[in-house]
Amino acid sequence: MEIRYWLRDMRLSHGLSQEETAREVEISARYYQSLEAGQSFPSRQVRHKLSLLFGNSVIDFLAEEEKENLEAS
């Protein structure tokens, strides 16, 4: 699963809008929208804030995504 889909799923499961999520992690709504659109990848700082907001799930997701990419190589 790509991070953009995962972000959307996590945001919706927490009952947040894109604007609310952006505000919680202290980024612009436009930047958050670009993350969900797959146009940008979150910086380390943003990933950390998302992990706090979503309960460390971002770290787990990225570790799983990296594992899948290594297995595919």
Protein backbone atom coordinates (compact mmCIF):
# COMPACT_ATOMS: atom_id res chain seq x y z
CA MET A 1 0.00 0.00 0.00
CA GLU A 2 1.31 3.42 -0.89
CA ILE A 3 1.68 5.93 1.91
CA ARG A 4 -0.86 8.27 0.32
CA TYR A 5 -3.61 5.66 0.65
CA TRP A 6 -2.49 4.78 4.14
CA LEU A 7 -2.60 8.45 5.20
CA ARG A 8 -6.15 8.80 3.91
CA ASP A 9 -7.27 5.60 5.65
CA MET A 10 -5.70 6.63 8.95
CA ARG A 11 -7.11 10.15 8.76
CA LEU A 12 -10.61 8.88 8.05
CA SER A 13 -10.41 6.21 10.77
CA HIS A 14 -9.57 8.98 13.24
CA GLY A 15 -12.50 11.07 11.98
CA LEU A 16 -10.32 13.94 10.79
CA SER A 17 -10.55 16.18 7.75
CA GLN A 18 -7.44 17.00 5.73
CA GLU A 19 -7.45 20.47 7.27
CA GLU A 20 -7.71 19.12 10.82
CA THR A 21 -4.90 16.65 10.21
CA ALA A 22 -2.70 19.38 8.75
CA ARG A 23 -3.37 21.62 11.74
CA GLU A 24 -2.56 18.81 14.19
CA VAL A 25 0.83 18.15 12.57
CA GLU A 26 1.52 21.85 12.00
CA ILE A 27 1.70 21.86 8.21
CA SER A 28 -0.38 23.63 5.60
CA ALA A 29 -3.55 21.98 4.34
CA ARG A 30 -2.15 22.31 0.82
CA TYR A 31 0.98 20.33 1.75
CA TYR A 32 -1.11 17.65 3.45
CA GLN A 33 -3.32 17.41 0.36
CA SER A 34 -0.19 16.90 -1.74
CA LEU A 35 0.80 14.02 0.56
CA GLU A 36 -2.54 12.28 0.06
CA ALA A 37 -2.36 12.95 -3.68
CA GLY A 38 1.05 11.27 -3.85
CA GLN A 39 2.71 14.44 -5.09
CA SER A 40 4.93 14.80 -2.01
CA PHE A 41 6.50 12.49 0.55
CA PRO A 42 6.42 13.55 4.22
CA SER A 43 9.64 14.79 5.73
CA ARG A 44 11.11 13.05 8.74
CA GLN A 45 9.64 15.71 11.03
CA VAL A 46 6.18 15.37 9.50
CA ARG A 47 6.38 11.56 9.69
CA HIS A 48 7.21 11.90 13.38
CA LYS A 49 4.23 14.18 14.00
CA LEU A 50 1.94 11.86 12.05
CA SER A 51 3.19 8.92 14.10
CA LEU A 52 2.27 10.78 17.29
CA LEU A 53 -1.14 11.69 15.92
CA PHE A 54 -1.92 8.19 14.63
CA GLY A 55 -0.22 6.22 17.41
CA ASN A 56 3.18 5.33 15.92
CA SER A 57 1.49 3.70 12.96
CA VAL A 58 3.51 5.68 10.42
CA ILE A 59 6.72 4.08 11.65
CA ASP A 60 5.16 0.62 11.36
CA PHE A 61 3.82 1.40 7.90
CA LEU A 62 7.16 2.67 6.58
CA ALA A 63 8.99 -0.35 7.99
CA GLU A 64 6.51 -2.69 6.28
CA GLU A 65 6.72 -0.76 3.01
CA GLU A 66 10.53 -0.96 3.07
CA LYS A 67 10.35 -4.71 3.74
CA GLU A 68 7.99 -5.18 0.77
CA ASN A 69 10.32 -3.16 -1.48
CA LEU A 70 13.31 -5.26 -0.45
CA GLU A 71 11.43 -8.50 -1.07
CA ALA A 72 10.37 -7.28 -4.52
CA SER A 73 13.99 -6.54 -5.54
